[in-house]
Amino acid sequence: MNVTSFINGLAFFLVFVGALNWGLVGALDYNLVAIILGDGTIFATVLYVVIGIAALYIGYVHYIGFKETK
């Protein structure tokens, strides 16, 4: 397993966790991250930032891939 595939897999997993959390918040008003890591803690904040960076990374990777196929 090379580093790029590991980063891609990790980013995908983080974005999946973020999307699942937002789905739970929207549908059930249940914030899983806040329940596990604490509401407003530094750990929850760091996780939210890391998930946001992962989403930007996934978007960038897909944009580059889309751009190369044209």
PDB file of N, CA and C in Angstrom:
ATOM      1  N   MET A   1       0.848  -1.174   0.000  1.00  0.00           N
ATOM      2  CA  MET A   1       0.000   0.000   0.000  1.00  0.00           C
ATOM      3  C   MET A   1       0.896   1.240   0.000  1.00  0.00           C
ATOM      4  N   ASN A   2       0.674   2.109  -0.970  1.00  0.00           N
ATOM      5  CA  ASN A   2       1.502   3.308  -1.007  1.00  0.00           C
ATOM      6  C   ASN A   2       0.839   4.440  -0.220  1.00  0.00           C
ATOM      7  N   VAL A   3       1.592   5.503  -0.032  1.00  0.00           N
ATOM      8  CA  VAL A   3       1.156   6.613   0.804  1.00  0.00           C
ATOM      9  C   VAL A   3      -0.059   7.307   0.199  1.00  0.00           C
ATOM     10  N   THR A   4      -0.079   7.489  -1.106  1.00  0.00           N
ATOM     11  CA  THR A   4      -1.185   8.185  -1.750  1.00  0.00           C
ATOM     12  C   THR A   4      -2.501   7.436  -1.566  1.00  0.00           C
ATOM     13  N   SER A   5      -2.490   6.138  -1.735  1.00  0.00           N
ATOM     14  CA  SER A   5      -3.735   5.384  -1.566  1.00  0.00           C
ATOM     15  C   SER A   5      -4.183   5.404  -0.108  1.00  0.00           C
ATOM     16  N   PHE A   6      -3.232   5.413   0.829  1.00  0.00           N
ATOM     17  CA  PHE A   6      -3.584   5.508   2.246  1.00  0.00           C
ATOM     18  C   PHE A   6      -4.235   6.857   2.542  1.00  0.00           C
ATOM     19  N   ILE A   7      -3.657   7.942   2.040  1.00  0.00           N
ATOM     20  CA  ILE A   7      -4.212   9.279   2.256  1.00  0.00           C
ATOM     21  C   ILE A   7      -5.584   9.389   1.615  1.00  0.00           C
ATOM     22  N   ASN A   8      -5.736   8.865   0.402  1.00  0.00           N
ATOM     23  CA  ASN A   8      -7.040   8.892  -0.259  1.00  0.00           C
ATOM     24  C   ASN A   8      -8.087   8.126   0.546  1.00  0.00           C
ATOM     25  N   GLY A   9      -7.726   6.952   1.036  1.00  0.00           N
ATOM     26  CA  GLY A   9      -8.651   6.153   1.842  1.00  0.00           C
ATOM     27  C   GLY A   9      -9.013   6.841   3.150  1.00  0.00           C
ATOM     28  N   LEU A  10      -8.021   7.422   3.800  1.00  0.00           N
ATOM     29  CA  LEU A  10      -8.258   8.132   5.049  1.00  0.00           C
ATOM     30  C   LEU A  10      -9.154   9.348   4.816  1.00  0.00           C
ATOM     31  N   ALA A  11      -8.874  10.102   3.761  1.00  0.00           N
ATOM     32  CA  ALA A  11      -9.698  11.278   3.444  1.00  0.00           C
ATOM     33  C   ALA A  11     -11.129  10.861   3.141  1.00  0.00           C
ATOM     34  N   PHE A  12     -11.303   9.799   2.370  1.00  0.00           N
ATOM     35  CA  PHE A  12     -12.647   9.307   2.065  1.00  0.00           C
ATOM     36  C   PHE A  12     -13.373   8.898   3.340  1.00  0.00           C
ATOM     37  N   PHE A  13     -12.700   8.203   4.228  1.00  0.00           N
ATOM     38  CA  PHE A  13     -13.302   7.775   5.486  1.00  0.00           C
ATOM     39  C   PHE A  13     -13.718   8.980   6.326  1.00  0.00           C
ATOM     40  N   LEU A  14     -12.851   9.979   6.418  1.00  0.00           N
ATOM     41  CA  LEU A  14     -13.172  11.170   7.212  1.00  0.00           C
ATOM     42  C   LEU A  14     -14.363  11.923   6.634  1.00  0.00           C
ATOM     43  N   VAL A  15     -14.409  12.044   5.315  1.00  0.00           N
ATOM     44  CA  VAL A  15     -15.546  12.716   4.678  1.00  0.00           C
ATOM     45  C   VAL A  15     -16.818  11.901   4.899  1.00  0.00           C
ATOM     46  N   PHE A  16     -16.722  10.590   4.851  1.00  0.00           N
ATOM     47  CA  PHE A  16     -17.869   9.727   5.128  1.00  0.00           C
ATOM     48  C   PHE A  16     -18.373   9.936   6.555  1.00  0.00           C
ATOM     49  N   VAL A  17     -17.460   9.975   7.510  1.00  0.00           N
ATOM     50  CA  VAL A  17     -17.831  10.213   8.909  1.00  0.00           C
ATOM     51  C   VAL A  17     -18.500  11.578   9.050  1.00  0.00           C
ATOM     52  N   GLY A  18     -17.945  12.591   8.397  1.00  0.00           N
ATOM     53  CA  GLY A  18     -18.541  13.922   8.450  1.00  0.00           C
ATOM     54  C   GLY A  18     -19.931  13.954   7.847  1.00  0.00           C
ATOM     55  N   ALA A  19     -20.105  13.301   6.716  1.00  0.00           N
ATOM     56  CA  ALA A  19     -21.415  13.263   6.070  1.00  0.00           C
ATOM     57  C   ALA A  19     -22.420  12.496   6.925  1.00  0.00           C
ATOM     58  N   LEU A  20     -21.991  11.396   7.511  1.00  0.00           N
ATOM     59  CA  LEU A  20     -22.865  10.627   8.401  1.00  0.00           C
ATOM     60  C   LEU A  20     -23.272  11.477   9.595  1.00  0.00           C
ATOM     61  N   ASN A  21     -22.327  12.199  10.179  1.00  0.00           N
ATOM     62  CA  ASN A  21     -22.626  13.051  11.321  1.00  0.00           C
ATOM     63  C   ASN A  21     -23.630  14.141  10.947  1.00  0.00           C
ATOM     64  N   TRP A  22     -23.424  14.785   9.788  1.00  0.00           N
ATOM     65  CA  TRP A  22     -24.362  15.823   9.356  1.00  0.00           C
ATOM     66  C   TRP A  22     -25.749  15.241   9.079  1.00  0.00           C
ATOM     67  N   GLY A  23     -25.788  14.037   8.548  1.00  0.00           N
ATOM     68  CA  GLY A  23     -27.074  13.379   8.330  1.00  0.00           C
ATOM     69  C   GLY A  23     -27.803  13.122   9.642  1.00  0.00           C
ATOM     70  N   LEU A  24     -27.058  12.680  10.643  1.00  0.00           N
ATOM     71  CA  LEU A  24     -27.657  12.449  11.958  1.00  0.00           C
ATOM     72  C   LEU A  24     -28.127  13.752  12.600  1.00  0.00           C
ATOM     73  N   VAL A  25     -27.335  14.805  12.437  1.00  0.00           N
ATOM     74  CA  VAL A  25     -27.733  16.107  12.985  1.00  0.00           C
ATOM     75  C   VAL A  25     -29.001  16.600  12.303  1.00  0.00           C
ATOM     76  N   GLY A  26     -29.050  16.481  10.994  1.00  0.00           N
ATOM     77  CA  GLY A  26     -30.212  16.960  10.262  1.00  0.00           C
ATOM     78  C   GLY A  26     -31.469  16.150  10.514  1.00  0.00           C
ATOM     79  N   ALA A  27     -31.329  14.848  10.566  1.00  0.00           N
ATOM     80  CA  ALA A  27     -32.499  13.980  10.677  1.00  0.00           C
ATOM     81  C   ALA A  27     -32.969  13.793  12.120  1.00  0.00           C
ATOM     82  N   LEU A  28     -32.022  13.674  13.030  1.00  0.00           N
ATOM     83  CA  LEU A  28     -32.379  13.299  14.406  1.00  0.00           C
ATOM     84  C   LEU A  28     -31.910  14.284  15.467  1.00  0.00           C
ATOM     85  N   ASP A  29     -31.249  15.363  15.045  1.00  0.00           N
ATOM     86  CA  ASP A  29     -30.647  16.316  15.985  1.00  0.00           C
ATOM     87  C   ASP A  29     -29.720  15.594  16.966  1.00  0.00           C
ATOM     88  N   TYR A  30     -28.886  14.707  16.412  1.00  0.00           N
ATOM     89  CA  TYR A  30     -27.992  13.852  17.190  1.00  0.00           C
ATOM     90  C   TYR A  30     -26.573  14.032  16.652  1.00  0.00           C
ATOM     91  N   ASN A  31     -25.730  14.756  17.388  1.00  0.00           N
ATOM     92  CA  ASN A  31     -24.361  15.020  16.960  1.00  0.00           C
ATOM     93  C   ASN A  31     -23.444  13.951  17.546  1.00  0.00           C
ATOM     94  N   LEU A  32     -23.120  12.957  16.745  1.00  0.00           N
ATOM     95  CA  LEU A  32     -22.317  11.823  17.196  1.00  0.00           C
ATOM     96  C   LEU A  32     -20.909  12.243  17.621  1.00  0.00           C
ATOM     97  N   VAL A  33     -20.304  13.162  16.881  1.00  0.00           N
ATOM     98  CA  VAL A  33     -18.949  13.621  17.220  1.00  0.00           C
ATOM     99  C   VAL A  33     -18.956  14.297  18.583  1.00  0.00           C
ATOM    100  N   ALA A  34     -19.935  15.164  18.830  1.00  0.00           N
ATOM    101  CA  ALA A  34     -20.017  15.861  20.118  1.00  0.00           C
ATOM    102  C   ALA A  34     -20.273  14.884  21.261  1.00  0.00           C
ATOM    103  N   ILE A  35     -21.035  13.846  20.996  1.00  0.00           N
ATOM    104  CA  ILE A  35     -21.316  12.863  22.043  1.00  0.00           C
ATOM    105  C   ILE A  35     -20.071  12.045  22.363  1.00  0.00           C
ATOM    106  N   ILE A  36     -19.318  11.669  21.337  1.00  0.00           N
ATOM    107  CA  ILE A  36     -18.129  10.846  21.558  1.00  0.00           C
ATOM    108  C   ILE A  36     -16.970  11.667  22.123  1.00  0.00           C
ATOM    109  N   LEU A  37     -16.724  12.847  21.540  1.00  0.00           N
ATOM    110  CA  LEU A  37     -15.547  13.636  21.927  1.00  0.00           C
ATOM    111  C   LEU A  37     -15.857  14.787  22.877  1.00  0.00           C
ATOM    112  N   GLY A  38     -17.123  15.054  23.110  1.00  0.00           N
ATOM    113  CA  GLY A  38     -17.509  16.160  23.982  1.00  0.00           C
ATOM    114  C   GLY A  38     -17.898  17.374  23.162  1.00  0.00           C
ATOM    115  N   ASP A  39     -18.922  18.057  23.611  1.00  0.00           N
ATOM    116  CA  ASP A  39     -19.424  19.217  22.887  1.00  0.00           C
ATOM    117  C   ASP A  39     -18.522  20.421  23.130  1.00  0.00           C
ATOM    118  N   GLY A  40     -17.942  20.951  22.071  1.00  0.00           N
ATOM    119  CA  GLY A  40     -17.100  22.140  22.168  1.00  0.00           C
ATOM    120  C   GLY A  40     -15.691  21.890  22.677  1.00  0.00           C
ATOM    121  N   THR A  41     -15.267  20.632  22.755  1.00  0.00           N
ATOM    122  CA  THR A  41     -13.915  20.347  23.216  1.00  0.00           C
ATOM    123  C   THR A  41     -12.917  20.571  22.088  1.00  0.00           C
ATOM    124  N   ILE A  42     -11.668  20.669  22.441  1.00  0.00           N
ATOM    125  CA  ILE A  42     -10.602  20.857  21.446  1.00  0.00           C
ATOM    126  C   ILE A  42     -10.536  19.638  20.522  1.00  0.00           C
ATOM    127  N   PHE A  43     -10.829  18.461  21.054  1.00  0.00           N
ATOM    128  CA  PHE A  43     -10.787  17.240  20.245  1.00  0.00           C
ATOM    129  C   PHE A  43     -11.852  17.265  19.149  1.00  0.00           C
ATOM    130  N   ALA A  44     -13.057  17.692  19.509  1.00  0.00           N
ATOM    131  CA  ALA A  44     -14.127  17.790  18.519  1.00  0.00           C
ATOM    132  C   ALA A  44     -13.796  18.853  17.482  1.00  0.00           C
ATOM    133  N   THR A  45     -13.264  19.981  17.936  1.00  0.00           N
ATOM    134  CA  THR A  45     -12.901  21.054  17.011  1.00  0.00           C
ATOM    135  C   THR A  45     -11.830  20.598  16.034  1.00  0.00           C
ATOM    136  N   VAL A  46     -10.812  19.909  16.534  1.00  0.00           N
ATOM    137  CA  VAL A  46      -9.741  19.402  15.670  1.00  0.00           C
ATOM    138  C   VAL A  46     -10.314  18.406  14.662  1.00  0.00           C
ATOM    139  N   LEU A  47     -11.196  17.530  15.107  1.00  0.00           N
ATOM    140  CA  LEU A  47     -11.786  16.560  14.184  1.00  0.00           C
ATOM    141  C   LEU A  47     -12.593  17.259  13.104  1.00  0.00           C
ATOM    142  N   TYR A  48     -13.376  18.271  13.469  1.00  0.00           N
ATOM    143  CA  TYR A  48     -14.142  19.016  12.467  1.00  0.00           C
ATOM    144  C   TYR A  48     -13.216  19.673  11.440  1.00  0.00           C
ATOM    145  N   VAL A  49     -12.107  20.242  11.903  1.00  0.00           N
ATOM    146  CA  VAL A  49     -11.155  20.876  10.985  1.00  0.00           C
ATOM    147  C   VAL A  49     -10.508  19.834  10.082  1.00  0.00           C
ATOM    148  N   VAL A  50     -10.120  18.694  10.633  1.00  0.00           N
ATOM    149  CA  VAL A  50      -9.498  17.630   9.835  1.00  0.00           C
ATOM    150  C   VAL A  50     -10.483  17.097   8.801  1.00  0.00           C
ATOM    151  N   ILE A  51     -11.751  16.953   9.177  1.00  0.00           N
ATOM    152  CA  ILE A  51     -12.760  16.495   8.220  1.00  0.00           C
ATOM    153  C   ILE A  51     -12.931  17.524   7.111  1.00  0.00           C
ATOM    154  N   GLY A  52     -12.912  18.803   7.455  1.00  0.00           N
ATOM    155  CA  GLY A  52     -13.005  19.856   6.443  1.00  0.00           C
ATOM    156  C   GLY A  52     -11.832  19.839   5.482  1.00  0.00           C
ATOM    157  N   ILE A  53     -10.630  19.639   6.003  1.00  0.00           N
ATOM    158  CA  ILE A  53      -9.438  19.540   5.153  1.00  0.00           C
ATOM    159  C   ILE A  53      -9.535  18.315   4.253  1.00  0.00           C
ATOM    160  N   ALA A  54     -10.029  17.202   4.800  1.00  0.00           N
ATOM    161  CA  ALA A  54     -10.209  15.986   3.995  1.00  0.00           C
ATOM    162  C   ALA A  54     -11.199  16.226   2.865  1.00  0.00           C
ATOM    163  N   ALA A  55     -12.262  16.973   3.154  1.00  0.00           N
ATOM    164  CA  ALA A  55     -13.247  17.274   2.112  1.00  0.00           C
ATOM    165  C   ALA A  55     -12.628  18.131   1.014  1.00  0.00           C
ATOM    166  N   LEU A  56     -11.828  19.109   1.396  1.00  0.00           N
ATOM    167  CA  LEU A  56     -11.135  19.930   0.397  1.00  0.00           C
ATOM    168  C   LEU A  56     -10.179  19.078  -0.433  1.00  0.00           C
ATOM    169  N   TYR A  57      -9.474  18.167   0.219  1.00  0.00           N
ATOM    170  CA  TYR A  57      -8.545  17.273  -0.481  1.00  0.00           C
ATOM    171  C   TYR A  57      -9.278  16.392  -1.480  1.00  0.00           C
ATOM    172  N   ILE A  58     -10.388  15.774  -1.041  1.00  0.00           N
ATOM    173  CA  ILE A  58     -11.176  14.920  -1.936  1.00  0.00           C
ATOM    174  C   ILE A  58     -11.699  15.737  -3.119  1.00  0.00           C
ATOM    175  N   GLY A  59     -12.183  16.926  -2.852  1.00  0.00           N
ATOM    176  CA  GLY A  59     -12.655  17.794  -3.925  1.00  0.00           C
ATOM    177  C   GLY A  59     -11.556  18.133  -4.907  1.00  0.00           C
ATOM    178  N   TYR A  60     -10.370  18.432  -4.400  1.00  0.00           N
ATOM    179  CA  TYR A  60      -9.231  18.756  -5.254  1.00  0.00           C
ATOM    180  C   TYR A  60      -8.822  17.556  -6.096  1.00  0.00           C
ATOM    181  N   VAL A  61      -8.716  16.400  -5.481  1.00  0.00           N
ATOM    182  CA  VAL A  61      -8.312  15.181  -6.196  1.00  0.00           C
ATOM    183  C   VAL A  61      -9.321  14.855  -7.300  1.00  0.00           C
ATOM    184  N   HIS A  62     -10.590  14.983  -6.998  1.00  0.00           N
ATOM    185  CA  HIS A  62     -11.605  14.696  -8.008  1.00  0.00           C
ATOM    186  C   HIS A  62     -11.620  15.759  -9.101  1.00  0.00           C
ATOM    187  N   TYR A  63     -11.352  17.001  -8.753  1.00  0.00           N
ATOM    188  CA  TYR A  63     -11.289  18.063  -9.753  1.00  0.00           C
ATOM    189  C   TYR A  63     -10.128  17.811 -10.712  1.00  0.00           C
ATOM    190  N   ILE A  64      -8.973  17.455 -10.180  1.00  0.00           N
ATOM    191  CA  ILE A  64      -7.800  17.167 -11.012  1.00  0.00           C
ATOM    192  C   ILE A  64      -8.089  15.964 -11.894  1.00  0.00           C
ATOM    193  N   GLY A  65      -8.701  14.915 -11.339  1.00  0.00           N
ATOM    194  CA  GLY A  65      -9.046  13.731 -12.126  1.00  0.00           C
ATOM    195  C   GLY A  65     -10.035  14.052 -13.224  1.00  0.00           C
ATOM    196  N   PHE A  66     -11.017  14.897 -12.917  1.00  0.00           N
ATOM    197  CA  PHE A  66     -12.013  15.305 -13.911  1.00  0.00           C
ATOM    198  C   PHE A  66     -11.359  16.144 -14.987  1.00  0.00           C
ATOM    199  N   LYS A  67     -10.458  17.005 -14.595  1.00  0.00           N
ATOM    200  CA  LYS A  67      -9.779  17.896 -15.534  1.00  0.00           C
ATOM    201  C   LYS A  67      -8.905  17.098 -16.507  1.00  0.00           C
ATOM    202  N   GLU A  68      -8.270  16.025 -16.000  1.00  0.00           N
ATOM    203  CA  GLU A  68      -7.387  15.216 -16.844  1.00  0.00           C
ATOM    204  C   GLU A  68      -8.144  14.363 -17.838  1.00  0.00           C
ATOM    205  N   THR A  69      -9.402  14.058 -17.575  1.00  0.00           N
ATOM    206  CA  THR A  69     -10.179  13.219 -18.495  1.00  0.00           C
ATOM    207  C   THR A  69     -10.741  14.003 -19.673  1.00  0.00           C
ATOM    208  N   LYS A  70     -10.729  15.319 -19.593  1.00  0.00           N
ATOM    209  CA  LYS A  70     -11.237  16.136 -20.689  1.00  0.00           C
ATOM    210  C   LYS A  70     -10.241  16.234 -21.820  1.00  0.00           C
TER     211      LYS A  70
END
